Protein backbone atom coordinates (compact mmCIF):
# COMPACT_ATOMS: atom_id res chain seq x y z
CA UNK A 1 -74.07 64.67 94.67
CA UNK A 2 -72.05 67.89 94.93
CA UNK A 3 -74.90 70.21 93.89
CA UNK A 4 -77.27 68.93 96.55
CA UNK A 5 -74.62 69.39 99.24
CA UNK A 6 -73.44 72.87 98.23
CA UNK A 7 -74.96 74.71 101.23
CA UNK A 8 -73.50 72.21 103.69
CA UNK A 9 -70.19 72.27 101.82
CA UNK A 10 -69.86 76.00 102.36
CA UNK A 11 -69.95 75.53 106.13
CA UNK A 12 -66.51 73.90 105.98
CA UNK A 13 -63.14 75.64 106.28
CA UNK A 14 -61.46 74.92 102.94
CA UNK A 15 -57.90 75.79 101.92
CA UNK A 16 -56.52 75.95 98.39
CA UNK A 17 -52.77 75.29 98.67
CA UNK A 18 -51.95 77.15 95.48
CA UNK A 19 -51.44 80.70 94.24
CA UNK A 20 -52.44 79.73 90.68
CA UNK A 21 -55.00 82.26 89.41
CA UNK A 22 -56.40 79.59 87.10
CA UNK A 23 -57.11 77.15 89.94
CA UNK A 24 -58.63 79.96 91.97
CA UNK A 25 -60.98 80.84 89.10
CA UNK A 26 -61.94 77.22 88.54
CA UNK A 27 -62.79 76.64 92.20
CA UNK A 28 -64.72 79.91 92.33
CA UNK A 29 -66.85 78.65 89.45
CA UNK A 30 -68.17 75.96 91.83
CA UNK A 31 -69.58 78.69 94.11
CA UNK A 32 -67.67 77.41 97.15
CA UNK A 33 -65.95 79.43 99.85
CA UNK A 34 -62.25 78.86 100.39
CA UNK A 35 -59.06 80.50 101.60
CA UNK A 36 -55.74 80.53 99.75
CA UNK A 37 -52.54 79.49 101.50
CA UNK A 38 -49.89 78.85 98.84
CA UNK A 39 -47.57 75.91 99.40
CA UNK A 40 -43.85 76.65 99.53
CA UNK A 41 -42.88 73.07 98.74
CA UNK A 42 -39.79 73.00 96.51
CA UNK A 43 -40.82 70.96 93.48
CA UNK A 44 -37.22 70.67 92.35
CA UNK A 45 -36.54 68.50 95.41
CA UNK A 46 -38.33 65.61 93.68
CA UNK A 47 -35.99 63.57 91.50
CA UNK A 48 -37.96 62.53 88.37
CA UNK A 49 -35.61 59.58 87.87
CA UNK A 50 -37.13 57.93 90.95
CA UNK A 51 -40.59 57.77 89.34
CA UNK A 52 -41.60 55.16 86.80
CA UNK A 53 -44.69 57.04 85.57
CA UNK A 54 -45.79 60.65 85.22
CA UNK A 55 -48.88 59.85 87.31
CA UNK A 56 -46.68 58.87 90.26
CA UNK A 57 -44.69 62.09 89.86
CA UNK A 58 -47.66 64.49 89.84
CA UNK A 59 -49.38 62.65 92.70
CA UNK A 60 -46.30 62.89 94.91
CA UNK A 61 -45.76 66.54 94.00
CA UNK A 62 -49.39 67.31 94.79
CA UNK A 63 -49.27 65.41 98.08
CA UNK A 64 -46.13 67.19 99.26
CA UNK A 65 -47.63 70.58 98.41
CA UNK A 66 -50.66 69.80 100.57
CA UNK A 67 -48.67 68.30 103.44
CA UNK A 68 -46.43 71.37 103.58
CA UNK A 69 -49.46 73.59 104.15
CA UNK A 70 -51.06 71.15 106.60
CA UNK A 71 -47.88 70.97 108.69
CA UNK A 72 -47.63 74.76 108.70
CA UNK A 73 -51.23 75.07 109.93
CA UNK A 74 -50.69 72.32 112.52
CA UNK A 75 -47.80 74.33 113.96
CA UNK A 76 -50.25 77.22 114.36
CA UNK A 77 -52.89 74.94 115.96
CA UNK A 78 -55.15 75.29 112.93
CA UNK A 79 -57.10 72.32 111.54
CA UNK A 80 -59.20 73.21 108.51
CA UNK A 81 -61.74 70.73 107.17
CA UNK A 82 -60.10 70.38 103.77
CA UNK A 83 -56.81 71.27 102.08
CA UNK A 84 -56.75 71.05 98.28
CA UNK A 85 -53.46 70.75 96.39
CA UNK A 86 -52.73 69.97 92.76
CA UNK A 87 -49.89 69.54 90.30
CA UNK A 88 -50.47 69.69 86.54
CA UNK A 89 -47.93 68.87 83.85
CA UNK A 90 -47.75 68.47 80.09
CA UNK A 91 -46.53 65.04 79.06
CA UNK A 92 -45.66 63.66 75.63
CA UNK A 93 -44.39 60.26 74.58
CA UNK A 94 -40.81 60.15 73.35
CA UNK A 95 -41.11 58.52 69.94
CA UNK A 96 -37.64 59.33 68.60
CA UNK A 97 -34.16 60.13 69.85
CA UNK A 98 -34.20 63.11 72.17
CA UNK A 99 -32.77 66.20 70.43
CA UNK A 100 -29.48 67.32 71.93
CA UNK A 101 -30.78 70.79 72.77
CA UNK A 102 -33.51 69.24 74.95
CA UNK A 103 -31.45 66.65 76.82
CA UNK A 104 -29.95 69.14 79.26
CA UNK A 105 -32.79 71.66 79.23
CA UNK A 106 -34.30 71.95 82.75
CA UNK A 107 -37.72 72.75 81.30
CA UNK A 108 -37.86 69.22 79.84
CA UNK A 109 -37.81 66.28 82.26
CA UNK A 110 -37.76 62.63 81.27
CA UNK A 111 -39.85 60.14 83.24
CA UNK A 112 -39.86 56.65 81.79
CA UNK A 113 -40.61 56.93 78.08
CA UNK A 114 -42.24 60.36 78.37
CA UNK A 115 -41.26 63.99 78.41
CA UNK A 116 -42.65 66.23 81.15
CA UNK A 117 -42.70 69.88 80.15
CA UNK A 118 -42.51 72.64 82.70
CA UNK A 119 -43.18 76.36 82.38
CA UNK A 120 -40.98 78.21 79.89
CA UNK A 121 -39.41 81.42 81.16
CA UNK A 122 -37.97 82.49 77.81
CA UNK A 123 -39.15 82.88 74.23
CA UNK A 124 -36.52 80.37 73.15
CA UNK A 125 -37.89 77.61 75.40
CA UNK A 126 -41.46 78.53 74.43
CA UNK A 127 -40.52 77.99 70.79
CA UNK A 128 -38.87 74.64 71.54
CA UNK A 129 -41.94 73.41 73.42
CA UNK A 130 -44.50 74.48 70.85
CA UNK A 131 -42.40 73.10 68.00
CA UNK A 132 -42.14 69.78 69.83
CA UNK A 133 -45.93 69.65 70.39
CA UNK A 134 -46.84 70.71 66.84
CA UNK A 135 -48.87 68.10 64.97
CA UNK A 136 -48.77 65.67 67.89
CA UNK A 137 -50.99 64.35 70.64
CA UNK A 138 -49.91 64.99 74.23
CA UNK A 139 -51.46 64.58 77.65
CA UNK A 140 -52.23 67.06 80.38
CA UNK A 141 -51.95 65.14 83.66
CA UNK A 142 -53.04 66.45 87.05
CA UNK A 143 -52.42 64.91 90.43
CA UNK A 144 -54.84 66.09 93.12
CA UNK A 145 -54.57 65.64 96.88
CA UNK A 146 -57.43 66.21 99.32
CA UNK A 147 -56.31 66.37 102.95
CA UNK A 148 -58.74 66.25 105.87
CA UNK A 149 -56.64 67.30 108.90
CA UNK A 150 -59.40 66.62 111.45
CA UNK A 151 -59.31 62.90 110.68
CA UNK A 152 -56.80 60.26 111.72
CA UNK A 153 -53.81 59.72 109.44
CA UNK A 154 -55.19 56.53 107.89
CA UNK A 155 -58.28 58.27 106.52
CA UNK A 156 -57.32 61.90 106.05
CA UNK A 157 -55.88 61.75 102.53
CA UNK A 158 -57.42 61.17 99.10
CA UNK A 159 -55.33 61.32 95.94
CA UNK A 160 -56.36 60.94 92.32
CA UNK A 161 -55.05 61.79 88.88
CA UNK A 162 -56.72 62.89 85.68
CA UNK A 163 -55.39 62.79 82.13
CA UNK A 164 -56.68 64.70 79.09
CA UNK A 165 -55.46 64.07 75.56
CA UNK A 166 -54.75 67.23 73.57
CA UNK A 167 -54.18 67.18 69.82
CA UNK A 168 -52.18 70.07 68.35
CA UNK A 169 -52.54 71.37 64.82
CA UNK A 170 -49.52 71.42 62.55
CA UNK A 171 -48.03 74.79 63.44
CA UNK A 172 -45.95 76.92 61.12
CA UNK A 173 -42.91 78.76 62.41
CA UNK A 174 -44.78 81.99 61.67
CA UNK A 175 -47.81 81.02 63.80
CA UNK A 176 -45.62 79.83 66.69
CA UNK A 177 -43.68 83.09 66.71
CA UNK A 178 -46.90 85.11 66.48
CA UNK A 179 -48.27 83.29 69.53
CA UNK A 180 -45.02 83.77 71.45
CA UNK A 181 -45.16 87.50 70.65
CA UNK A 182 -48.39 87.71 72.69
CA UNK A 183 -46.34 86.65 75.78
CA UNK A 184 -49.07 84.15 76.70
CA UNK A 185 -46.76 81.09 76.60
CA UNK A 186 -44.45 82.44 79.31
CA UNK A 187 -44.89 80.63 82.64
CA UNK A 188 -47.61 78.32 81.28
CA UNK A 189 -47.08 74.55 81.50
CA UNK A 190 -46.27 73.33 78.01
CA UNK A 191 -46.04 76.89 76.75
CA UNK A 192 -49.73 77.46 76.00
CA UNK A 193 -53.03 78.37 77.65
CA UNK A 194 -56.18 76.65 76.35
CA UNK A 195 -58.34 79.29 78.07
CA UNK A 196 -56.65 82.01 76.01
CA UNK A 197 -55.21 82.39 72.53
CA UNK A 198 -53.64 78.95 72.92
CA UNK A 199 -56.98 77.47 71.90
CA UNK A 200 -56.08 78.46 68.33
CA UNK A 201 -53.25 75.90 68.39
CA UNK A 202 -55.51 72.99 69.33
CA UNK A 203 -57.33 70.70 66.94
CA UNK A 204 -59.31 68.83 69.62
CA UNK A 205 -59.19 67.44 73.14
CA UNK A 206 -60.38 64.16 74.61
CA UNK A 207 -61.26 64.50 78.28
CA UNK A 208 -61.65 67.27 80.83
CA UNK A 209 -61.27 70.87 79.64
CA UNK A 210 -60.84 72.16 83.21
CA UNK A 211 -58.00 69.67 83.70
CA UNK A 212 -56.14 71.28 80.80
CA UNK A 213 -56.64 74.67 82.44
CA UNK A 214 -55.18 73.31 85.68
CA UNK A 215 -57.73 71.47 87.85
CA UNK A 216 -60.13 68.56 87.07
CA UNK A 217 -63.37 69.98 88.46
CA UNK A 218 -65.79 67.14 87.76
CA UNK A 219 -63.67 64.46 89.40
CA UNK A 220 -62.97 66.78 92.34
CA UNK A 221 -66.71 67.26 92.88
CA UNK A 222 -67.24 63.51 92.85
CA UNK A 223 -64.40 62.67 95.26
CA UNK A 224 -65.04 65.45 97.75
CA UNK A 225 -68.79 64.76 97.82
CA UNK A 226 -68.17 61.13 98.71
CA UNK A 227 -65.84 62.13 101.54
CA UNK A 228 -68.12 64.76 103.03
CA UNK A 229 -71.04 62.33 102.94
CA UNK A 230 -68.85 59.99 104.97
CA UNK A 231 -68.06 62.83 107.38
CA UNK A 232 -71.76 63.65 107.84
CA UNK A 233 -72.59 60.04 108.64
CA UNK A 234 -69.99 60.00 111.41
CA UNK A 235 -71.46 63.02 113.18
């Protein structure tokens, strides 16, 4: 179990391949030591059309983020014990014809029968996202990659995904605009932050709260504990 291995865990050199302040805060809540080396992987290089499910998309994005950092460290003759990378998106099922103003909007991607919503940079896109989510259920899906550079290639990578269902209240135009005026929606996946005022938009969630923030902590603890137990047995 993670808690019983915490002291041993903190002996390892751990890298978080992300500059997300939310992921940093979540990992810090586990009382573990880690360094931050942001990945410079270009997410736009992945063509969503090539993926049949959102899970496949976030897992590949996450894996490439981690591999980019691992390759950079390899070139510097550095081999940390663990590199953590993650990709989190907002996904909603397309239940009607896609509105024309969303079809060519780069903040909205279509994968299979689902929308994937990125991070709005403008108030206009924030409004479109929140209006689309109003009164509906959507999913927050994270793909996580754990890389162990000191191991051979056939056993140095663990990937997993986590999905949380989020149910939005019916939002009035007035309440959406009031939330947008706080500037919180800007640069947040889906245009809201559950750990902030965005909680006022939500009726309920089914699943991991930390996953909605940006990193599924409980499943991470389970997966990484299993791997480090395996590592200890091989010593």
